[in-house]
N, C-alpha and C. Protein backbone atom coordinates (compact mmCIF):
# COMPACT_ATOMS: atom_id res chain seq x y z
N MET A 1 40.97 -108.72 -12.67
CA MET A 1 41.70 -109.40 -11.46
C MET A 1 42.80 -110.61 -11.73
N SER A 2 44.10 -110.41 -11.26
CA SER A 2 45.34 -111.22 -11.75
C SER A 2 45.14 -112.35 -10.73
N ASP A 3 45.88 -113.04 -11.12
CA ASP A 3 46.01 -114.24 -10.12
C ASP A 3 47.03 -114.08 -8.91
N ASP A 4 47.33 -112.78 -9.16
CA ASP A 4 48.79 -112.57 -7.88
C ASP A 4 47.40 -111.52 -7.07
N GLN A 5 46.84 -111.17 -7.52
CA GLN A 5 46.19 -109.79 -6.52
C GLN A 5 45.37 -110.71 -5.62
N PRO A 6 44.50 -111.81 -5.25
CA PRO A 6 44.14 -112.27 -4.33
C PRO A 6 45.11 -112.41 -3.29
N VAL A 7 46.47 -112.80 -3.56
CA VAL A 7 47.44 -113.46 -2.72
C VAL A 7 48.11 -112.33 -1.79
N ALA A 8 48.27 -110.63 -3.23
CA ALA A 8 48.73 -109.90 -2.63
C ALA A 8 47.69 -108.89 -1.77
N MET A 9 46.74 -108.97 -1.93
CA MET A 9 45.60 -108.10 -0.51
C MET A 9 45.64 -109.12 0.26
N LEU A 10 45.83 -110.72 0.86
CA LEU A 10 45.90 -111.35 1.78
C LEU A 10 47.21 -110.60 2.85
N VAL A 11 47.95 -110.86 2.13
CA VAL A 11 49.48 -110.39 2.85
C VAL A 11 49.69 -109.03 3.16
N GLU A 12 48.94 -108.17 2.42
CA GLU A 12 48.98 -106.70 2.92
C GLU A 12 48.07 -106.35 4.09
N ARG A 13 47.14 -107.19 3.97
CA ARG A 13 46.34 -107.12 4.88
C ARG A 13 46.73 -107.75 6.22
N ALA A 14 47.55 -108.82 6.28
CA ALA A 14 47.74 -109.73 7.19
C ALA A 14 49.19 -108.58 7.75
N ARG A 15 49.70 -108.30 6.77
CA ARG A 15 50.85 -106.93 7.76
C ARG A 15 50.17 -105.87 8.18
N SER A 16 49.51 -105.31 7.84
CA SER A 16 49.44 -103.94 8.42
C SER A 16 48.15 -104.47 9.54
N GLU A 17 47.32 -105.83 9.93
CA GLU A 17 47.20 -105.95 11.40
C GLU A 17 48.36 -107.09 12.16
N GLY A 18 49.68 -106.69 11.25
CA GLY A 18 50.93 -106.98 12.65
C GLY A 18 50.79 -108.55 13.08
N LEU A 19 50.46 -109.41 11.31
CA LEU A 19 50.66 -111.02 11.58
C LEU A 19 51.63 -111.30 10.66
N GLN A 20 52.47 -112.42 11.68
CA GLN A 20 53.54 -113.38 11.38
C GLN A 20 53.14 -113.92 9.82
N LEU A 21 53.77 -113.01 8.73
CA LEU A 21 53.60 -114.40 7.31
C LEU A 21 54.00 -115.77 7.66
N THR A 22 55.40 -115.90 7.77
CA THR A 22 55.46 -117.10 7.87
C THR A 22 55.88 -118.07 9.30
N GLY A 23 56.69 -119.18 9.63
CA GLY A 23 56.82 -119.45 10.72
C GLY A 23 56.02 -120.11 11.58
N GLN A 24 56.27 -120.71 12.70
CA GLN A 24 55.19 -121.68 13.51
C GLN A 24 54.06 -120.30 14.13
N GLY A 25 52.69 -120.57 13.27
CA GLY A 25 51.47 -120.53 13.75
C GLY A 25 51.23 -118.85 12.91
N GLY A 26 52.64 -118.95 11.57
CA GLY A 26 52.01 -117.86 10.61
C GLY A 26 50.72 -117.65 9.55
N LEU A 27 50.69 -116.72 9.00
CA LEU A 27 49.55 -117.45 8.03
C LEU A 27 49.91 -118.05 6.99
N LEU A 28 50.80 -118.20 6.45
CA LEU A 28 51.15 -119.42 5.56
C LEU A 28 51.10 -121.08 6.08
N GLN A 29 51.28 -120.93 7.66
CA GLN A 29 51.27 -122.32 7.85
C GLN A 29 49.64 -122.16 8.13
N GLN A 30 48.84 -121.85 8.49
CA GLN A 30 47.29 -121.36 8.95
C GLN A 30 46.83 -121.74 7.34
N LEU A 31 47.27 -120.79 6.31
CA LEU A 31 46.36 -121.44 5.00
C LEU A 31 46.68 -122.54 4.33
N THR A 32 48.03 -123.40 4.58
CA THR A 32 48.44 -124.63 4.33
C THR A 32 47.24 -125.40 4.86
N LYS A 33 47.38 -125.30 6.09
CA LYS A 33 46.28 -126.85 6.82
C LYS A 33 45.15 -126.69 6.52
N SER A 34 44.48 -125.29 6.70
CA SER A 34 42.65 -125.38 5.93
C SER A 34 42.95 -125.91 4.96
N ARG A 35 43.63 -125.40 3.72
CA ARG A 35 43.62 -126.15 2.19
C ARG A 35 43.79 -127.79 2.79
N LEU A 36 44.27 -127.73 3.41
CA LEU A 36 44.64 -129.44 3.30
C LEU A 36 43.31 -130.35 4.25
N TRP A 37 43.11 -129.30 4.72
CA TRP A 37 41.42 -129.94 5.44
C TRP A 37 40.42 -129.94 4.54
N ARG A 38 40.39 -129.18 3.98
CA ARG A 38 39.42 -128.45 3.27
C ARG A 38 39.42 -129.42 1.52
N ARG A 39 40.54 -130.08 0.89
CA ARG A 39 41.00 -130.93 0.37
C ARG A 39 40.73 -132.43 0.85
N ASN A 40 40.43 -132.23 2.15
CA ASN A 40 40.50 -133.95 2.63
C ASN A 40 41.96 -134.49 2.27
N LEU A 41 42.76 -133.81 2.46
CA LEU A 41 44.14 -134.85 2.22
C LEU A 41 44.51 -135.07 3.76
N ALA A 42 44.20 -134.54 4.51
CA ALA A 42 44.24 -134.87 5.95
C ALA A 42 43.32 -136.16 6.48
N SER A 43 44.62 -137.31 6.76
CA SER A 43 43.12 -138.11 7.26
C SER A 43 43.17 -138.05 8.60
N PRO A 44 42.78 -138.59 9.28
CA PRO A 44 42.56 -138.80 11.03
C PRO A 44 43.98 -139.29 11.28
N ARG A 45 44.49 -140.06 11.03
CA ARG A 45 45.87 -140.97 10.64
C ARG A 45 46.62 -139.70 11.07
N LEU A 46 46.71 -139.21 9.94
CA LEU A 46 48.04 -137.98 9.75
C LEU A 46 47.64 -136.61 10.26
N SER A 47 46.57 -136.43 11.40
CA SER A 47 45.85 -135.23 11.49
C SER A 47 47.37 -134.56 12.82
N SER A 48 48.24 -135.48 13.08
CA SER A 48 49.36 -134.83 14.31
C SER A 48 50.25 -134.27 13.48
N THR A 49 50.06 -134.83 12.20
CA THR A 49 51.32 -134.13 11.82
C THR A 49 51.20 -132.84 11.08
N VAL A 50 49.94 -132.59 10.83
CA VAL A 50 49.04 -131.37 10.30
C VAL A 50 49.04 -130.16 11.05
N ARG A 51 49.31 -130.32 11.99
CA ARG A 51 49.15 -129.17 13.36
C ARG A 51 50.05 -128.44 12.93
C-alpha cells in the first residue's frame, strides 16, 4: 500500500457518504483536531483555539 492510498480511501469514503471535505466541520478540520489531541499538542489553555 502506498502512502497515498489510505488518504485516497478516506476521501473516497467521505465523498460517497456526502461529507464535506474542507471548511467548518469538514473532514480535514476533524482529522486535524483529532491528530492534535492525540499528539498532546493542544494543552488545556489552547483548547478554545483548537475547536
